[in-house]
Amino acid sequence: MKEFNFERLIAWQKARVLSKEMYLLTHDFPKEELYAITSQIRRSAVSIACNLAEGSSRLHPKDAARFYEIAYSSAIELLNLIIISKDFSWITEENYTDIRGKISELSLMINHLHSAKIKSS
C-alpha cells in the first residue's frame, strides 16, 4: 500500500495519537458537555492532524505554510480547552501536565514545518 507524504511526518503521527487520546480522555466528561467542550476538544485535536495532512499536499510553500499555521492554531485551541477542563476538575493534574507537554512538543514541530515552508517560498 502506498504511503502518502503526510504519513511520514512525525508531527502528523503525534497529532494522530493525540486525537485518539483526546477522544478517550473526554469519554467520561459530563454528558451535558457532549456538544460543547467535549466536541470542541475532539474537533480541535482532529483539526491538527487534518491540517498537517492537507498542508503536506500543497505544492506551493506558502499554501503549505498556511495549513501548518492553522494546525498550530488548533493546537493552541486544544491547550486552552484542556486548561479549562482542568479548571472544572474534569481532568487530573497528571493528565493536564502530560497533555500540555504533548501539545508543547507538537506545536514546536509545527512551527518548524511552518518556518521551513516560509523560508522556501
N, C-alpha and C. Protein backbone atom coordinates (compact mmCIF):
# COMPACT_ATOMS: atom_id res chain seq x y z
N MET A 1 0.83 -1.17 0.00
CA MET A 1 0.00 0.00 0.00
C MET A 1 0.89 1.25 0.00
N LYS A 2 0.54 2.20 -0.85
CA LYS A 2 1.31 3.42 -0.98
C LYS A 2 1.18 4.28 0.27
N GLU A 3 2.31 4.81 0.70
CA GLU A 3 2.32 5.72 1.84
C GLU A 3 2.33 7.15 1.32
N PHE A 4 1.47 8.00 1.87
CA PHE A 4 1.43 9.39 1.47
C PHE A 4 2.44 10.19 2.30
N ASN A 5 2.83 11.36 1.77
CA ASN A 5 3.83 12.19 2.44
C ASN A 5 3.46 12.51 3.88
N PHE A 6 2.21 12.86 4.12
CA PHE A 6 1.83 13.26 5.48
C PHE A 6 2.01 12.13 6.49
N GLU A 7 1.90 10.89 6.04
CA GLU A 7 2.04 9.76 6.95
C GLU A 7 3.47 9.61 7.48
N ARG A 8 4.41 10.22 6.77
CA ARG A 8 5.81 10.18 7.21
C ARG A 8 6.15 11.33 8.15
N LEU A 9 5.28 12.32 8.25
CA LEU A 9 5.53 13.46 9.13
C LEU A 9 5.40 13.02 10.60
N ILE A 10 6.46 13.21 11.37
CA ILE A 10 6.41 12.87 12.80
C ILE A 10 5.32 13.70 13.48
N ALA A 11 5.18 14.96 13.09
CA ALA A 11 4.16 15.82 13.69
C ALA A 11 2.76 15.24 13.45
N TRP A 12 2.50 14.75 12.24
CA TRP A 12 1.20 14.16 11.96
C TRP A 12 0.99 12.90 12.79
N GLN A 13 2.03 12.07 12.89
CA GLN A 13 1.93 10.84 13.68
C GLN A 13 1.57 11.15 15.13
N LYS A 14 2.23 12.17 15.67
CA LYS A 14 1.94 12.57 17.06
C LYS A 14 0.54 13.17 17.18
N ALA A 15 0.12 13.95 16.19
CA ALA A 15 -1.22 14.53 16.21
C ALA A 15 -2.28 13.45 16.14
N ARG A 16 -2.02 12.43 15.37
CA ARG A 16 -2.96 11.30 15.25
C ARG A 16 -3.14 10.61 16.60
N VAL A 17 -2.03 10.35 17.28
CA VAL A 17 -2.08 9.72 18.60
C VAL A 17 -2.81 10.64 19.59
N LEU A 18 -2.49 11.93 19.54
CA LEU A 18 -3.13 12.90 20.43
C LEU A 18 -4.65 12.93 20.21
N SER A 19 -5.08 12.84 18.96
CA SER A 19 -6.51 12.83 18.66
C SER A 19 -7.20 11.67 19.36
N LYS A 20 -6.61 10.51 19.24
CA LYS A 20 -7.19 9.33 19.90
C LYS A 20 -7.23 9.52 21.42
N GLU A 21 -6.15 10.05 21.96
CA GLU A 21 -6.09 10.28 23.41
C GLU A 21 -7.17 11.26 23.86
N MET A 22 -7.46 12.26 23.05
CA MET A 22 -8.48 13.24 23.42
C MET A 22 -9.87 12.62 23.39
N TYR A 23 -10.11 11.72 22.44
CA TYR A 23 -11.39 11.02 22.42
C TYR A 23 -11.55 10.16 23.67
N LEU A 24 -10.50 9.46 24.03
CA LEU A 24 -10.56 8.61 25.22
C LEU A 24 -10.69 9.44 26.49
N LEU A 25 -9.94 10.53 26.56
CA LEU A 25 -9.97 11.40 27.73
C LEU A 25 -11.36 11.99 27.96
N THR A 26 -12.01 12.42 26.90
CA THR A 26 -13.30 13.10 27.02
C THR A 26 -14.48 12.14 27.15
N HIS A 27 -14.22 10.87 27.03
CA HIS A 27 -15.29 9.87 27.13
C HIS A 27 -16.07 10.01 28.43
N ASP A 28 -15.38 10.34 29.52
CA ASP A 28 -16.02 10.43 30.83
C ASP A 28 -16.36 11.85 31.24
N PHE A 29 -16.28 12.80 30.32
CA PHE A 29 -16.70 14.17 30.63
C PHE A 29 -18.20 14.18 30.89
N PRO A 30 -18.69 15.21 31.56
CA PRO A 30 -20.14 15.29 31.81
C PRO A 30 -20.92 15.21 30.50
N LYS A 31 -22.00 14.44 30.53
CA LYS A 31 -22.79 14.23 29.31
C LYS A 31 -23.38 15.53 28.77
N GLU A 32 -23.67 16.48 29.65
CA GLU A 32 -24.20 17.76 29.17
C GLU A 32 -23.16 18.57 28.39
N GLU A 33 -21.90 18.16 28.44
CA GLU A 33 -20.84 18.84 27.70
C GLU A 33 -20.55 18.19 26.35
N LEU A 34 -21.28 17.13 26.02
CA LEU A 34 -21.01 16.39 24.78
C LEU A 34 -20.98 17.29 23.56
N TYR A 35 -21.92 18.22 23.46
CA TYR A 35 -21.98 19.10 22.29
C TYR A 35 -21.34 20.45 22.55
N ALA A 36 -20.60 20.55 23.62
CA ALA A 36 -19.90 21.79 23.97
C ALA A 36 -18.40 21.52 24.02
N ILE A 37 -17.84 21.54 25.20
CA ILE A 37 -16.38 21.44 25.32
C ILE A 37 -15.85 20.08 24.86
N THR A 38 -16.60 19.02 25.09
CA THR A 38 -16.15 17.69 24.63
C THR A 38 -15.98 17.70 23.12
N SER A 39 -16.97 18.19 22.43
CA SER A 39 -16.92 18.27 20.97
C SER A 39 -15.79 19.18 20.50
N GLN A 40 -15.61 20.31 21.17
CA GLN A 40 -14.55 21.24 20.77
C GLN A 40 -13.16 20.62 20.95
N ILE A 41 -12.96 19.91 22.04
CA ILE A 41 -11.67 19.25 22.27
C ILE A 41 -11.40 18.24 21.16
N ARG A 42 -12.37 17.44 20.86
CA ARG A 42 -12.21 16.42 19.82
C ARG A 42 -11.96 17.05 18.45
N ARG A 43 -12.73 18.08 18.12
CA ARG A 43 -12.58 18.72 16.82
C ARG A 43 -11.24 19.43 16.68
N SER A 44 -10.79 20.10 17.74
CA SER A 44 -9.51 20.80 17.64
C SER A 44 -8.35 19.81 17.52
N ALA A 45 -8.43 18.68 18.23
CA ALA A 45 -7.38 17.67 18.13
C ALA A 45 -7.32 17.07 16.74
N VAL A 46 -8.47 16.73 16.18
CA VAL A 46 -8.52 16.16 14.84
C VAL A 46 -8.08 17.20 13.81
N SER A 47 -8.42 18.45 14.04
CA SER A 47 -8.04 19.53 13.13
C SER A 47 -6.52 19.65 12.98
N ILE A 48 -5.79 19.41 14.04
CA ILE A 48 -4.33 19.47 13.97
C ILE A 48 -3.84 18.47 12.92
N ALA A 49 -4.25 17.22 13.07
CA ALA A 49 -3.82 16.17 12.14
C ALA A 49 -4.29 16.45 10.72
N CYS A 50 -5.53 16.89 10.57
CA CYS A 50 -6.08 17.15 9.23
C CYS A 50 -5.33 18.27 8.52
N ASN A 51 -5.03 19.33 9.22
CA ASN A 51 -4.33 20.44 8.58
C ASN A 51 -2.88 20.12 8.28
N LEU A 52 -2.26 19.29 9.10
CA LEU A 52 -0.90 18.83 8.76
C LEU A 52 -0.93 17.99 7.49
N ALA A 53 -1.91 17.11 7.39
CA ALA A 53 -2.04 16.27 6.20
C ALA A 53 -2.29 17.13 4.97
N GLU A 54 -3.24 18.06 5.07
CA GLU A 54 -3.56 18.89 3.92
C GLU A 54 -2.40 19.79 3.53
N GLY A 55 -1.72 20.34 4.52
CA GLY A 55 -0.57 21.19 4.22
C GLY A 55 0.53 20.45 3.49
N SER A 56 0.73 19.20 3.84
CA SER A 56 1.79 18.42 3.19
C SER A 56 1.50 18.15 1.72
N SER A 57 0.23 18.29 1.33
CA SER A 57 -0.14 18.02 -0.06
C SER A 57 -0.05 19.25 -0.96
N ARG A 58 0.15 20.40 -0.37
CA ARG A 58 0.17 21.64 -1.14
C ARG A 58 1.49 21.78 -1.89
N LEU A 59 1.38 22.20 -3.14
CA LEU A 59 2.57 22.33 -3.98
C LEU A 59 3.32 23.64 -3.73
N HIS A 60 2.59 24.68 -3.42
CA HIS A 60 3.23 25.97 -3.17
C HIS A 60 3.55 26.09 -1.68
N PRO A 61 4.80 26.44 -1.35
CA PRO A 61 5.20 26.52 0.06
C PRO A 61 4.32 27.45 0.91
N LYS A 62 3.86 28.56 0.32
CA LYS A 62 3.01 29.47 1.10
C LYS A 62 1.67 28.83 1.44
N ASP A 63 1.14 28.03 0.52
CA ASP A 63 -0.10 27.31 0.80
C ASP A 63 0.10 26.30 1.94
N ALA A 64 1.20 25.56 1.87
CA ALA A 64 1.51 24.59 2.91
C ALA A 64 1.68 25.29 4.25
N ALA A 65 2.40 26.41 4.24
CA ALA A 65 2.64 27.16 5.48
C ALA A 65 1.32 27.60 6.11
N ARG A 66 0.37 28.00 5.30
CA ARG A 66 -0.93 28.43 5.83
C ARG A 66 -1.64 27.29 6.57
N PHE A 67 -1.60 26.09 6.02
CA PHE A 67 -2.23 24.95 6.70
C PHE A 67 -1.48 24.59 7.98
N TYR A 68 -0.16 24.75 7.98
CA TYR A 68 0.60 24.49 9.20
C TYR A 68 0.27 25.54 10.26
N GLU A 69 0.01 26.75 9.81
CA GLU A 69 -0.40 27.82 10.73
C GLU A 69 -1.76 27.48 11.37
N ILE A 70 -2.66 26.96 10.58
CA ILE A 70 -3.97 26.57 11.10
C ILE A 70 -3.81 25.40 12.09
N ALA A 71 -2.95 24.45 11.77
CA ALA A 71 -2.69 23.32 12.67
C ALA A 71 -2.16 23.83 14.01
N TYR A 72 -1.27 24.81 13.96
CA TYR A 72 -0.72 25.39 15.19
C TYR A 72 -1.85 26.06 16.00
N SER A 73 -2.70 26.81 15.31
CA SER A 73 -3.82 27.47 15.99
C SER A 73 -4.74 26.45 16.65
N SER A 74 -4.96 25.34 16.00
CA SER A 74 -5.79 24.28 16.59
C SER A 74 -5.12 23.69 17.82
N ALA A 75 -3.81 23.58 17.80
CA ALA A 75 -3.08 23.08 18.97
C ALA A 75 -3.24 24.04 20.15
N ILE A 76 -3.18 25.33 19.88
CA ILE A 76 -3.35 26.32 20.94
C ILE A 76 -4.79 26.29 21.46
N GLU A 77 -5.74 26.13 20.55
CA GLU A 77 -7.14 26.00 20.97
C GLU A 77 -7.31 24.78 21.88
N LEU A 78 -6.70 23.67 21.50
CA LEU A 78 -6.77 22.46 22.31
C LEU A 78 -6.17 22.70 23.69
N LEU A 79 -5.03 23.35 23.74
CA LEU A 79 -4.41 23.64 25.04
C LEU A 79 -5.36 24.47 25.91
N ASN A 80 -5.97 25.49 25.34
CA ASN A 80 -6.91 26.31 26.08
C ASN A 80 -8.06 25.47 26.64
N LEU A 81 -8.59 24.58 25.83
CA LEU A 81 -9.70 23.72 26.27
C LEU A 81 -9.27 22.75 27.37
N ILE A 82 -8.03 22.30 27.30
CA ILE A 82 -7.51 21.40 28.34
C ILE A 82 -7.34 22.17 29.65
N ILE A 83 -6.88 23.40 29.56
CA ILE A 83 -6.75 24.24 30.77
C ILE A 83 -8.13 24.43 31.41
N ILE A 84 -9.12 24.74 30.59
CA ILE A 84 -10.48 24.93 31.10
C ILE A 84 -11.00 23.63 31.71
N SER A 85 -10.72 22.52 31.07
CA SER A 85 -11.15 21.22 31.61
C SER A 85 -10.53 20.95 32.96
N LYS A 86 -9.28 21.34 33.12
CA LYS A 86 -8.61 21.19 34.42
C LYS A 86 -9.27 22.10 35.45
N ASP A 87 -9.62 23.32 35.04
CA ASP A 87 -10.28 24.26 35.96
C ASP A 87 -11.59 23.70 36.49
N PHE A 88 -12.30 22.93 35.67
CA PHE A 88 -13.56 22.31 36.08
C PHE A 88 -13.35 20.95 36.75
N SER A 89 -12.10 20.56 36.91
CA SER A 89 -11.74 19.27 37.52
C SER A 89 -12.25 18.07 36.73
N TRP A 90 -12.33 18.24 35.41
CA TRP A 90 -12.73 17.13 34.55
C TRP A 90 -11.53 16.28 34.17
N ILE A 91 -10.33 16.83 34.34
CA ILE A 91 -9.11 16.06 34.14
C ILE A 91 -8.21 16.26 35.35
N THR A 92 -7.35 15.30 35.58
CA THR A 92 -6.44 15.37 36.72
C THR A 92 -5.25 16.27 36.39
N GLU A 93 -4.56 16.66 37.41
CA GLU A 93 -3.33 17.44 37.22
C GLU A 93 -2.31 16.65 36.41
N GLU A 94 -2.26 15.35 36.66
CA GLU A 94 -1.34 14.48 35.92
C GLU A 94 -1.68 14.44 34.43
N ASN A 95 -2.98 14.28 34.12
CA ASN A 95 -3.41 14.30 32.72
C ASN A 95 -3.09 15.64 32.07
N TYR A 96 -3.39 16.70 32.81
CA TYR A 96 -3.13 18.04 32.30
C TYR A 96 -1.65 18.23 31.94
N THR A 97 -0.78 17.85 32.85
CA THR A 97 0.66 18.00 32.63
C THR A 97 1.13 17.19 31.44
N ASP A 98 0.64 15.96 31.35
CA ASP A 98 1.00 15.08 30.23
C ASP A 98 0.55 15.66 28.89
N ILE A 99 -0.71 16.07 28.82
CA ILE A 99 -1.26 16.60 27.57
C ILE A 99 -0.58 17.91 27.20
N ARG A 100 -0.35 18.77 28.19
CA ARG A 100 0.32 20.04 27.92
C ARG A 100 1.70 19.81 27.32
N GLY A 101 2.42 18.83 27.84
CA GLY A 101 3.74 18.50 27.30
C GLY A 101 3.66 18.03 25.86
N LYS A 102 2.67 17.21 25.57
CA LYS A 102 2.50 16.71 24.20
C LYS A 102 2.12 17.84 23.24
N ILE A 103 1.25 18.73 23.68
CA ILE A 103 0.87 19.86 22.84
C ILE A 103 2.06 20.79 22.61
N SER A 104 2.86 21.01 23.64
CA SER A 104 4.06 21.85 23.51
C SER A 104 5.04 21.27 22.50
N GLU A 105 5.28 19.98 22.61
CA GLU A 105 6.18 19.30 21.68
C GLU A 105 5.65 19.37 20.25
N LEU A 106 4.37 19.10 20.09
CA LEU A 106 3.75 19.12 18.78
C LEU A 106 3.74 20.52 18.18
N SER A 107 3.44 21.52 18.97
CA SER A 107 3.40 22.89 18.45
C SER A 107 4.78 23.35 18.00
N LEU A 108 5.82 22.90 18.68
CA LEU A 108 7.19 23.22 18.26
C LEU A 108 7.49 22.58 16.90
N MET A 109 7.08 21.35 16.72
CA MET A 109 7.28 20.66 15.43
C MET A 109 6.52 21.39 14.32
N ILE A 110 5.30 21.80 14.60
CA ILE A 110 4.51 22.51 13.61
C ILE A 110 5.16 23.84 13.26
N ASN A 111 5.68 24.53 14.25
CA ASN A 111 6.39 25.79 13.98
C ASN A 111 7.59 25.58 13.07
N HIS A 112 8.30 24.49 13.27
CA HIS A 112 9.45 24.18 12.41
C HIS A 112 9.00 23.89 10.97
N LEU A 113 7.91 23.16 10.83
CA LEU A 113 7.38 22.90 9.49
C LEU A 113 6.97 24.21 8.82
N HIS A 114 6.29 25.06 9.56
CA HIS A 114 5.84 26.36 9.04
C HIS A 114 7.04 27.21 8.62
N SER A 115 8.04 27.30 9.48
CA SER A 115 9.23 28.11 9.19
C SER A 115 9.96 27.60 7.95
N ALA A 116 10.06 26.30 7.82
CA ALA A 116 10.74 25.72 6.67
C ALA A 116 10.01 26.07 5.37
N LYS A 117 8.70 26.05 5.40
CA LYS A 117 7.92 26.39 4.19
C LYS A 117 8.03 27.88 3.87
N ILE A 118 8.02 28.71 4.89
CA ILE A 118 8.12 30.17 4.67
C ILE A 118 9.50 30.50 4.06
N LYS A 119 10.53 29.85 4.57
CA LYS A 119 11.89 30.10 4.05
C LYS A 119 12.05 29.63 2.61
N SER A 120 11.33 28.59 2.23
CA SER A 120 11.49 28.06 0.88
C SER A 120 10.58 28.75 -0.14
N SER A 121 9.75 29.68 0.34
CA SER A 121 8.85 30.35 -0.62
C SER A 121 9.46 31.62 -1.18
